[in-house]
Amino acid sequence: MRPVLTIFAIWLAGLGAAAQFGKISILYSDFERTYAGAGALGIGVMVSVVGMVGLVFGTSAGLLVARIGPRRAILAALALGAMVSLVQSALPSYPVMMASRVLEGVSHLAIVVVGPTAIATVAAGRWQGAAMTLWSSFFGLAYALLAWLAPELVAAQGAAALFQVHAAWMLGCLALLGALMPRACRHSSDSGFPG
């Protein structure tokens, strides 16, 4: 049962990583008003800078993860993601928000580098295809959930609430993976779905 829970916890972390893009996309119109001086281009860069970090550092990210270990990398990435979302919930100045988005890119990159390899390690051979199919759904599903749920949350409680919920999500994933990953990753030969 533990490997199954670990796989789902990694997938939930993936949803949080996808939301690092999606939360700004959902708030695009709000941010055009909040950061009016930045213009449409500035808000567009705010959305995409997370991916730019991956473009620049993607090739070396795997080496860094191998050096520090996948467990430590994903836990640090989740902690960083939560911290950054809390900073963003204060709607800081545009330069501070952009700096936070660069850090968020680091968090995002670590999660998406560790996620699929950690799932492949935890899932037994006959279930690896199903586990990787689950992982592949994280981006689209996160955007769909944000498009469905976030507008009402933002309308009722403001943009800060979306960042706070995201921070709580990342902390929840941190707690889950902190509890689940050590044994599952060390004993991958015994892992797999039941049945």
Protein backbone atom coordinates (compact mmCIF):
# COMPACT_ATOMS: atom_id res chain seq x y z
CA MET A 1 0.00 0.00 0.00
CA ARG A 2 2.84 2.39 0.77
CA PRO A 3 4.13 2.46 -2.85
CA VAL A 4 0.63 3.29 -4.11
CA LEU A 5 0.35 6.17 -1.64
CA THR A 6 3.83 7.37 -2.60
CA ILE A 7 2.94 7.42 -6.29
CA PHE A 8 -0.21 9.41 -5.61
CA ALA A 9 1.70 11.80 -3.34
CA ILE A 10 4.28 12.43 -6.09
CA TRP A 11 1.43 13.01 -8.54
CA LEU A 12 -0.17 15.50 -6.12
CA ALA A 13 3.19 17.30 -6.00
CA GLY A 14 3.05 17.39 -9.79
CA LEU A 15 -0.36 19.07 -9.61
CA GLY A 16 1.21 21.67 -7.32
CA ALA A 17 4.05 22.18 -9.81
CA ALA A 18 1.60 22.69 -12.67
CA ALA A 19 -0.31 25.17 -10.54
CA GLN A 20 2.86 27.26 -10.38
CA PHE A 21 2.08 28.13 -13.99
CA GLY A 22 -1.68 28.01 -13.76
CA LYS A 23 -2.24 30.29 -10.78
CA ILE A 24 -0.72 33.27 -12.62
CA SER A 25 -2.64 32.43 -15.81
CA ILE A 26 -5.88 32.46 -13.84
CA LEU A 27 -4.95 35.84 -12.32
CA TYR A 28 -3.78 37.40 -15.58
CA SER A 29 -6.56 40.03 -15.74
CA ASP A 30 -6.23 40.83 -12.04
CA PHE A 31 -2.49 41.26 -12.42
CA GLU A 32 -2.90 43.59 -15.38
CA ARG A 33 -4.55 45.93 -12.87
CA THR A 34 -2.29 45.17 -9.90
CA TYR A 35 0.89 45.56 -11.97
CA ALA A 36 -0.42 48.06 -14.49
CA GLY A 37 3.01 49.62 -14.91
CA ALA A 38 4.44 46.34 -16.18
CA GLY A 39 2.06 46.15 -19.14
CA ALA A 40 0.83 43.05 -20.91
CA LEU A 41 4.37 42.01 -21.81
CA GLY A 42 5.49 42.19 -18.18
CA ILE A 43 2.58 40.01 -17.05
CA GLY A 44 3.27 37.58 -19.88
CA VAL A 45 6.87 37.26 -18.73
CA MET A 46 5.61 36.70 -15.18
CA VAL A 47 3.61 33.72 -16.43
CA SER A 48 6.35 32.22 -18.57
CA VAL A 49 9.50 32.85 -16.49
CA VAL A 50 8.92 29.60 -14.60
CA GLY A 51 9.34 27.71 -17.87
CA MET A 52 12.32 29.84 -18.88
CA VAL A 53 14.18 28.59 -15.81
CA GLY A 54 13.61 25.07 -17.11
CA LEU A 55 14.89 26.01 -20.56
CA VAL A 56 18.09 27.47 -19.14
CA PHE A 57 18.82 24.96 -16.38
CA GLY A 58 16.94 21.85 -17.51
CA THR A 59 20.01 19.98 -18.75
CA SER A 60 21.92 20.46 -15.51
CA ALA A 61 18.95 19.85 -13.19
CA GLY A 62 19.26 16.07 -13.48
CA LEU A 63 22.89 16.21 -12.43
CA LEU A 64 22.05 18.31 -9.39
CA VAL A 65 19.20 15.98 -8.40
CA ALA A 66 21.53 12.98 -8.73
CA ARG A 67 24.04 14.71 -6.47
CA ILE A 68 21.68 15.68 -3.65
CA GLY A 69 19.24 12.78 -4.07
CA PRO A 70 15.67 12.76 -5.38
CA ARG A 71 14.05 12.75 -1.95
CA ARG A 72 15.91 15.80 -0.70
CA ALA A 73 15.45 17.55 -4.04
CA ILE A 74 11.67 17.17 -4.15
CA LEU A 75 11.20 18.01 -0.46
CA ALA A 76 13.33 21.15 -0.84
CA ALA A 77 11.41 22.07 -4.01
CA LEU A 78 8.07 21.72 -2.23
CA ALA A 79 9.26 23.80 0.71
CA LEU A 80 10.56 26.48 -1.66
CA GLY A 81 7.30 26.42 -3.61
CA ALA A 82 5.27 26.92 -0.45
CA MET A 83 7.48 29.76 0.75
CA VAL A 84 7.33 31.51 -2.60
CA SER A 85 3.53 31.28 -2.73
CA LEU A 86 3.28 32.83 0.72
CA VAL A 87 5.49 35.72 -0.41
CA GLN A 88 3.35 36.12 -3.52
CA SER A 89 0.17 36.21 -1.43
CA ALA A 90 1.26 39.64 -0.21
CA LEU A 91 1.19 40.84 -3.86
CA PRO A 92 4.63 42.43 -3.54
CA SER A 93 6.16 44.91 -5.97
CA TYR A 94 6.72 43.75 -9.54
CA PRO A 95 10.50 43.18 -9.13
CA VAL A 96 9.94 41.11 -5.98
CA MET A 97 7.16 39.14 -7.65
CA MET A 98 9.43 38.44 -10.63
CA ALA A 99 12.25 37.32 -8.35
CA SER A 100 9.80 35.00 -6.60
CA ARG A 101 8.75 33.58 -9.97
CA VAL A 102 12.37 32.78 -10.83
CA LEU A 103 12.69 30.89 -7.54
CA GLU A 104 9.40 29.20 -8.35
CA GLY A 105 10.94 28.07 -11.62
CA VAL A 106 13.67 26.30 -9.63
CA SER A 107 11.02 24.61 -7.48
CA HIS A 108 9.00 23.59 -10.53
CA LEU A 109 12.01 22.20 -12.36
CA ALA A 110 13.08 20.03 -9.43
CA ILE A 111 9.58 18.56 -9.01
CA VAL A 112 9.15 17.70 -12.69
CA VAL A 113 12.65 16.21 -12.90
CA VAL A 114 12.24 14.05 -9.79
CA GLY A 115 8.57 13.11 -10.28
CA PRO A 116 8.66 10.65 -13.19
CA THR A 117 11.87 8.91 -12.17
CA ALA A 118 10.67 8.57 -8.57
CA ILE A 119 7.37 7.09 -9.76
CA ALA A 120 9.19 4.67 -12.07
CA THR A 121 11.37 3.60 -9.13
CA VAL A 122 8.45 3.05 -6.78
CA ALA A 123 6.06 1.29 -9.20
CA ALA A 124 6.57 -2.39 -9.91
CA GLY A 125 7.31 -3.22 -13.55
CA ARG A 126 3.82 -4.31 -14.53
CA TRP A 127 2.32 -1.11 -13.09
CA GLN A 128 4.88 1.38 -14.41
CA GLY A 129 2.81 2.17 -17.52
CA ALA A 130 -0.27 2.97 -15.45
CA ALA A 131 1.76 5.00 -12.97
CA MET A 132 3.42 7.02 -15.72
CA THR A 133 0.05 7.59 -17.39
CA LEU A 134 -1.19 9.01 -14.09
CA TRP A 135 1.86 11.28 -13.92
CA SER A 136 1.29 12.52 -17.48
CA SER A 137 -2.13 13.89 -16.48
CA PHE A 138 -0.81 16.35 -13.89
CA PHE A 139 -0.48 19.42 -16.09
CA GLY A 140 -3.82 19.30 -17.87
CA LEU A 141 -5.72 18.31 -14.75
CA ALA A 142 -4.18 21.10 -12.67
CA TYR A 143 -5.21 23.69 -15.26
CA ALA A 144 -8.73 22.25 -15.45
CA LEU A 145 -9.11 22.32 -11.67
CA LEU A 146 -7.79 25.87 -11.46
CA ALA A 147 -10.13 27.06 -14.23
CA TRP A 148 -13.04 25.44 -12.40
CA LEU A 149 -12.32 26.34 -8.78
CA ALA A 150 -10.01 29.36 -8.67
CA PRO A 151 -12.27 32.09 -10.12
CA GLU A 152 -14.85 31.64 -7.34
CA LEU A 153 -12.14 31.58 -4.67
CA VAL A 154 -10.52 34.74 -6.05
CA ALA A 155 -13.89 36.49 -6.42
CA ALA A 156 -14.82 35.66 -2.82
CA GLN A 157 -11.50 36.11 -1.03
CA GLY A 158 -9.09 37.85 -3.41
CA ALA A 159 -5.94 36.78 -5.24
CA ALA A 160 -4.01 36.29 -2.01
CA ALA A 161 -6.25 33.33 -1.12
CA LEU A 162 -5.21 31.44 -4.25
CA PHE A 163 -1.54 31.78 -3.34
CA GLN A 164 -2.26 30.73 0.25
CA VAL A 165 -4.15 27.62 -0.89
CA HIS A 166 -1.28 26.76 -3.20
CA ALA A 167 1.22 27.16 -0.35
CA ALA A 168 -0.90 24.87 1.84
CA TRP A 169 -1.06 22.30 -0.99
CA MET A 170 2.72 22.30 -1.36
CA LEU A 171 3.18 21.93 2.41
CA GLY A 172 0.72 19.05 2.44
CA CYS A 173 2.68 17.30 -0.33
CA LEU A 174 5.89 17.99 1.59
CA ALA A 175 4.46 16.27 4.67
CA LEU A 176 3.17 13.30 2.68
CA LEU A 177 6.38 12.73 0.76
CA GLY A 178 8.51 13.31 3.83
CA ALA A 179 6.67 10.42 5.44
CA LEU A 180 6.39 8.15 2.39
CA MET A 181 9.43 8.53 0.17
CA PRO A 182 12.31 7.22 2.30
CA ARG A 183 11.23 3.59 2.58
CA ALA A 184 9.65 3.41 -0.87
CA CYS A 185 12.76 4.70 -2.63
CA ARG A 186 15.19 2.54 -0.68
CA HIS A 187 13.18 -0.64 -1.20
CA SER A 188 12.13 -0.17 -4.80
CA SER A 189 12.68 -3.85 -5.59
CA ASP A 190 9.85 -4.76 -3.20
CA SER A 191 7.51 -2.01 -4.34
CA GLY A 192 4.48 -2.07 -6.55
CA PHE A 193 0.73 -1.95 -6.52
CA PRO A 194 -1.05 -4.66 -4.61
CA GLY A 195 -2.67 -7.47 -6.55
